[in-house]
Amino acid sequence: MPPKIRAVLFDLDDTLCDSHLAMTRRLRFAFELAAESAGHGGGLDFDEMVRQAIELGQHGSDHFADLFQRYGIESVTAAGIARDWILENRLHGLEFFHDAIETLQ
């Protein structure tokens, strides 16, 4: 008789949840928040900023200050605001794929 299964492990990121979409949403929100705090916002291409941020360093924030400067955000604190928000809200926007709950059940 085969042994009884006691546990099944699943990877969360991009298996049960769309982590790329959630990361895109988090970055956009954080960048909008940081730009607004620096007196910017109107006219910035946040979608392109997010694309570049992911390309430069998908899992880090060290490149935020350089990225913001490319878009005319010279505030020293803006990158810190974005970084802090991302770190404090790392699960924000994370949602299960439409069939994940049914699969788990």
N, C-alpha and C. Protein backbone atom coordinates (compact mmCIF):
# COMPACT_ATOMS: atom_id res chain seq x y z
N MET A 1 0.86 -1.18 0.00
CA MET A 1 0.00 0.00 0.00
C MET A 1 0.90 1.24 0.00
N PRO A 2 0.65 2.18 -0.90
CA PRO A 2 1.48 3.39 -0.96
C PRO A 2 1.28 4.26 0.29
N PRO A 3 2.31 5.01 0.67
CA PRO A 3 2.18 5.86 1.86
C PRO A 3 1.13 6.95 1.64
N LYS A 4 0.49 7.33 2.74
CA LYS A 4 -0.52 8.38 2.70
C LYS A 4 0.16 9.73 2.47
N ILE A 5 -0.38 10.53 1.56
CA ILE A 5 0.17 11.86 1.29
C ILE A 5 -0.21 12.78 2.45
N ARG A 6 0.78 13.41 3.04
CA ARG A 6 0.54 14.28 4.20
C ARG A 6 0.54 15.76 3.81
N ALA A 7 1.24 16.09 2.75
CA ALA A 7 1.32 17.49 2.37
C ALA A 7 1.65 17.61 0.89
N VAL A 8 1.19 18.67 0.30
CA VAL A 8 1.53 19.02 -1.07
C VAL A 8 1.97 20.48 -1.03
N LEU A 9 3.12 20.77 -1.59
CA LEU A 9 3.66 22.12 -1.58
C LEU A 9 3.53 22.75 -2.96
N PHE A 10 3.15 24.01 -2.97
CA PHE A 10 3.04 24.78 -4.21
C PHE A 10 3.87 26.04 -4.09
N ASP A 11 4.46 26.43 -5.18
CA ASP A 11 5.16 27.70 -5.27
C ASP A 11 4.09 28.78 -5.46
N LEU A 12 4.22 29.87 -4.73
CA LEU A 12 3.23 30.96 -4.83
C LEU A 12 3.40 31.78 -6.09
N ASP A 13 4.61 32.29 -6.32
CA ASP A 13 4.84 33.23 -7.41
C ASP A 13 4.71 32.59 -8.79
N ASP A 14 3.76 33.09 -9.53
CA ASP A 14 3.48 32.68 -10.91
C ASP A 14 3.06 31.22 -11.03
N THR A 15 2.74 30.59 -9.92
CA THR A 15 2.15 29.27 -9.93
C THR A 15 0.71 29.38 -9.44
N LEU A 16 0.55 29.94 -8.26
CA LEU A 16 -0.79 30.18 -7.71
C LEU A 16 -1.24 31.62 -7.92
N CYS A 17 -0.29 32.54 -7.99
CA CYS A 17 -0.58 33.96 -8.12
C CYS A 17 0.23 34.58 -9.26
N ASP A 18 -0.33 35.62 -9.84
CA ASP A 18 0.36 36.35 -10.90
C ASP A 18 1.24 37.41 -10.24
N SER A 19 2.44 37.02 -9.87
CA SER A 19 3.33 37.93 -9.15
C SER A 19 3.85 39.05 -10.04
N HIS A 20 3.98 38.79 -11.34
CA HIS A 20 4.46 39.85 -12.24
C HIS A 20 3.45 40.99 -12.32
N LEU A 21 2.19 40.66 -12.47
CA LEU A 21 1.15 41.69 -12.51
C LEU A 21 1.10 42.46 -11.20
N ALA A 22 1.21 41.76 -10.08
CA ALA A 22 1.19 42.42 -8.78
C ALA A 22 2.40 43.34 -8.62
N MET A 23 3.56 42.90 -9.07
CA MET A 23 4.76 43.73 -8.99
C MET A 23 4.59 44.99 -9.85
N THR A 24 4.04 44.83 -11.02
CA THR A 24 3.79 45.97 -11.91
C THR A 24 2.87 46.97 -11.22
N ARG A 25 1.81 46.49 -10.61
CA ARG A 25 0.87 47.37 -9.91
C ARG A 25 1.54 48.07 -8.73
N ARG A 26 2.35 47.33 -7.96
CA ARG A 26 3.05 47.92 -6.81
C ARG A 26 4.02 49.01 -7.25
N LEU A 27 4.80 48.71 -8.28
CA LEU A 27 5.76 49.70 -8.77
C LEU A 27 5.05 50.95 -9.25
N ARG A 28 4.00 50.78 -10.02
CA ARG A 28 3.28 51.95 -10.53
C ARG A 28 2.75 52.79 -9.38
N PHE A 29 2.12 52.16 -8.40
CA PHE A 29 1.58 52.91 -7.27
C PHE A 29 2.69 53.64 -6.52
N ALA A 30 3.79 52.93 -6.26
CA ALA A 30 4.91 53.52 -5.53
C ALA A 30 5.53 54.67 -6.30
N PHE A 31 5.66 54.53 -7.61
CA PHE A 31 6.24 55.59 -8.43
C PHE A 31 5.32 56.80 -8.48
N GLU A 32 4.02 56.58 -8.59
CA GLU A 32 3.07 57.70 -8.59
C GLU A 32 3.11 58.43 -7.25
N LEU A 33 3.17 57.68 -6.16
CA LEU A 33 3.24 58.26 -4.83
C LEU A 33 4.52 59.09 -4.67
N ALA A 34 5.64 58.54 -5.10
CA ALA A 34 6.92 59.23 -4.99
C ALA A 34 6.96 60.48 -5.86
N ALA A 35 6.46 60.38 -7.08
CA ALA A 35 6.45 61.53 -7.99
C ALA A 35 5.57 62.64 -7.44
N GLU A 36 4.42 62.27 -6.91
CA GLU A 36 3.52 63.26 -6.32
C GLU A 36 4.18 63.96 -5.14
N SER A 37 4.89 63.21 -4.33
CA SER A 37 5.56 63.80 -3.17
C SER A 37 6.66 64.78 -3.59
N ALA A 38 7.19 64.58 -4.80
CA ALA A 38 8.25 65.44 -5.31
C ALA A 38 7.70 66.57 -6.18
N GLY A 39 6.36 66.65 -6.25
CA GLY A 39 5.74 67.72 -7.04
C GLY A 39 5.62 67.40 -8.52
N HIS A 40 5.75 66.14 -8.89
CA HIS A 40 5.61 65.69 -10.27
C HIS A 40 4.38 64.80 -10.37
N GLY A 41 4.13 64.33 -11.52
CA GLY A 41 3.03 63.39 -11.69
C GLY A 41 2.39 63.54 -13.04
N GLY A 42 1.93 64.73 -13.35
CA GLY A 42 1.31 64.93 -14.64
C GLY A 42 2.31 64.79 -15.76
N GLY A 43 1.93 64.04 -16.76
CA GLY A 43 2.77 63.91 -17.94
C GLY A 43 3.85 62.84 -17.87
N LEU A 44 4.03 62.21 -16.73
CA LEU A 44 5.04 61.15 -16.65
C LEU A 44 4.47 59.85 -17.20
N ASP A 45 5.30 59.11 -17.89
CA ASP A 45 4.89 57.82 -18.45
C ASP A 45 5.22 56.73 -17.43
N PHE A 46 4.31 56.53 -16.50
CA PHE A 46 4.54 55.56 -15.42
C PHE A 46 4.65 54.13 -15.95
N ASP A 47 3.91 53.82 -17.01
CA ASP A 47 4.02 52.47 -17.58
C ASP A 47 5.44 52.21 -18.07
N GLU A 48 6.03 53.19 -18.72
CA GLU A 48 7.40 53.04 -19.20
C GLU A 48 8.39 53.01 -18.04
N MET A 49 8.14 53.81 -17.02
CA MET A 49 9.00 53.78 -15.84
C MET A 49 9.00 52.39 -15.21
N VAL A 50 7.83 51.81 -15.09
CA VAL A 50 7.70 50.47 -14.51
C VAL A 50 8.42 49.45 -15.38
N ARG A 51 8.24 49.54 -16.69
CA ARG A 51 8.91 48.61 -17.60
C ARG A 51 10.42 48.69 -17.42
N GLN A 52 10.95 49.92 -17.36
CA GLN A 52 12.38 50.10 -17.19
C GLN A 52 12.85 49.61 -15.82
N ALA A 53 12.06 49.85 -14.80
CA ALA A 53 12.44 49.39 -13.45
C ALA A 53 12.56 47.88 -13.41
N ILE A 54 11.65 47.19 -14.04
CA ILE A 54 11.69 45.73 -14.07
C ILE A 54 12.90 45.26 -14.87
N GLU A 55 13.16 45.93 -15.97
CA GLU A 55 14.32 45.58 -16.80
C GLU A 55 15.64 45.81 -16.05
N LEU A 56 15.72 46.90 -15.29
CA LEU A 56 16.95 47.25 -14.59
C LEU A 56 17.23 46.38 -13.36
N GLY A 57 16.20 46.01 -12.67
CA GLY A 57 16.41 45.24 -11.45
C GLY A 57 15.10 44.77 -10.89
N GLN A 58 14.64 43.67 -11.39
CA GLN A 58 13.32 43.16 -11.08
C GLN A 58 13.05 43.04 -9.59
N HIS A 59 14.05 42.69 -8.79
CA HIS A 59 13.79 42.43 -7.38
C HIS A 59 14.46 43.43 -6.45
N GLY A 60 14.89 44.54 -6.96
CA GLY A 60 15.58 45.50 -6.11
C GLY A 60 15.07 46.91 -6.33
N SER A 61 15.60 47.81 -5.54
CA SER A 61 15.19 49.21 -5.64
C SER A 61 16.39 50.15 -5.73
N ASP A 62 17.58 49.60 -5.83
CA ASP A 62 18.78 50.44 -5.88
C ASP A 62 18.80 51.36 -7.09
N HIS A 63 18.10 51.01 -8.13
CA HIS A 63 18.09 51.78 -9.36
C HIS A 63 17.01 52.86 -9.40
N PHE A 64 16.18 52.95 -8.38
CA PHE A 64 15.07 53.91 -8.40
C PHE A 64 15.55 55.35 -8.56
N ALA A 65 16.57 55.77 -7.83
CA ALA A 65 17.02 57.15 -7.91
C ALA A 65 17.49 57.51 -9.32
N ASP A 66 18.26 56.62 -9.94
CA ASP A 66 18.71 56.87 -11.32
C ASP A 66 17.53 56.91 -12.28
N LEU A 67 16.60 56.00 -12.10
CA LEU A 67 15.42 55.97 -12.95
C LEU A 67 14.60 57.25 -12.80
N PHE A 68 14.41 57.69 -11.58
CA PHE A 68 13.64 58.91 -11.35
C PHE A 68 14.32 60.12 -11.99
N GLN A 69 15.63 60.17 -11.93
CA GLN A 69 16.36 61.28 -12.55
C GLN A 69 16.13 61.31 -14.06
N ARG A 70 16.04 60.15 -14.69
CA ARG A 70 15.75 60.08 -16.13
C ARG A 70 14.44 60.79 -16.47
N TYR A 71 13.53 60.78 -15.51
CA TYR A 71 12.21 61.36 -15.72
C TYR A 71 12.06 62.73 -15.05
N GLY A 72 13.18 63.31 -14.67
CA GLY A 72 13.17 64.67 -14.12
C GLY A 72 12.78 64.77 -12.67
N ILE A 73 12.74 63.66 -11.96
CA ILE A 73 12.42 63.68 -10.53
C ILE A 73 13.74 63.74 -9.79
N GLU A 74 14.11 64.93 -9.35
CA GLU A 74 15.41 65.15 -8.73
C GLU A 74 15.38 65.03 -7.21
N SER A 75 14.20 64.89 -6.64
CA SER A 75 14.06 64.80 -5.19
C SER A 75 14.86 63.63 -4.63
N VAL A 76 15.67 63.91 -3.64
CA VAL A 76 16.47 62.88 -3.00
C VAL A 76 15.59 61.88 -2.27
N THR A 77 14.49 62.34 -1.75
CA THR A 77 13.63 61.46 -0.94
C THR A 77 12.64 60.65 -1.77
N ALA A 78 12.41 61.01 -3.03
CA ALA A 78 11.40 60.31 -3.84
C ALA A 78 11.71 58.83 -3.98
N ALA A 79 12.94 58.49 -4.29
CA ALA A 79 13.30 57.07 -4.44
C ALA A 79 13.12 56.33 -3.13
N GLY A 80 13.43 56.98 -2.02
CA GLY A 80 13.24 56.36 -0.71
C GLY A 80 11.77 56.12 -0.40
N ILE A 81 10.93 57.06 -0.81
CA ILE A 81 9.48 56.89 -0.60
C ILE A 81 8.99 55.68 -1.38
N ALA A 82 9.40 55.57 -2.64
CA ALA A 82 8.99 54.42 -3.46
C ALA A 82 9.53 53.13 -2.88
N ARG A 83 10.81 53.12 -2.52
CA ARG A 83 11.43 51.91 -1.95
C ARG A 83 10.72 51.48 -0.67
N ASP A 84 10.49 52.42 0.23
CA ASP A 84 9.85 52.09 1.50
C ASP A 84 8.45 51.55 1.30
N TRP A 85 7.70 52.16 0.37
CA TRP A 85 6.34 51.69 0.13
C TRP A 85 6.36 50.27 -0.42
N ILE A 86 7.27 50.02 -1.36
CA ILE A 86 7.39 48.67 -1.94
C ILE A 86 7.72 47.65 -0.86
N LEU A 87 8.67 47.97 0.01
CA LEU A 87 9.09 47.03 1.05
C LEU A 87 7.99 46.77 2.07
N GLU A 88 7.21 47.79 2.39
CA GLU A 88 6.15 47.65 3.39
C GLU A 88 4.89 47.00 2.82
N ASN A 89 4.77 46.94 1.52
CA ASN A 89 3.55 46.45 0.88
C ASN A 89 3.86 45.39 -0.17
N ARG A 90 4.78 44.51 0.15
CA ARG A 90 5.26 43.57 -0.85
C ARG A 90 4.21 42.57 -1.34
N LEU A 91 3.11 42.42 -0.63
CA LEU A 91 2.03 41.52 -1.08
C LEU A 91 0.85 42.27 -1.69
N HIS A 92 0.94 43.60 -1.72
CA HIS A 92 -0.14 44.43 -2.27
C HIS A 92 -0.41 44.04 -3.72
N GLY A 93 -1.67 43.82 -4.04
CA GLY A 93 -2.06 43.51 -5.41
C GLY A 93 -1.90 42.06 -5.81
N LEU A 94 -1.40 41.24 -4.90
CA LEU A 94 -1.21 39.83 -5.23
C LEU A 94 -2.56 39.11 -5.16
N GLU A 95 -2.93 38.48 -6.25
CA GLU A 95 -4.20 37.78 -6.34
C GLU A 95 -3.97 36.38 -6.88
N PHE A 96 -4.80 35.44 -6.42
CA PHE A 96 -4.72 34.09 -6.96
C PHE A 96 -5.16 34.08 -8.42
N PHE A 97 -4.57 33.19 -9.21
CA PHE A 97 -5.07 32.95 -10.55
C PHE A 97 -6.51 32.45 -10.45
N HIS A 98 -7.28 32.65 -11.49
CA HIS A 98 -8.71 32.35 -11.44
C HIS A 98 -9.03 30.90 -11.04
N ASP A 99 -8.15 29.97 -11.34
CA ASP A 99 -8.43 28.56 -11.02
C ASP A 99 -7.63 28.02 -9.85
N ALA A 100 -6.87 28.87 -9.18
CA ALA A 100 -5.98 28.40 -8.11
C ALA A 100 -6.75 27.84 -6.91
N ILE A 101 -7.77 28.51 -6.47
CA ILE A 101 -8.53 28.07 -5.29
C ILE A 101 -9.19 26.73 -5.58
N GLU A 102 -9.80 26.62 -6.75
CA GLU A 102 -10.45 25.36 -7.13
C GLU A 102 -9.42 24.22 -7.17
N THR A 103 -8.25 24.50 -7.71
CA THR A 103 -7.19 23.50 -7.78
C THR A 103 -6.76 23.06 -6.37
N LEU A 104 -6.61 24.02 -5.49
CA LEU A 104 -6.19 23.71 -4.12
C LEU A 104 -7.25 22.90 -3.36
N GLN A 105 -8.51 23.21 -3.61
CA GLN A 105 -9.58 22.48 -2.94
C GLN A 105 -9.64 21.05 -3.44
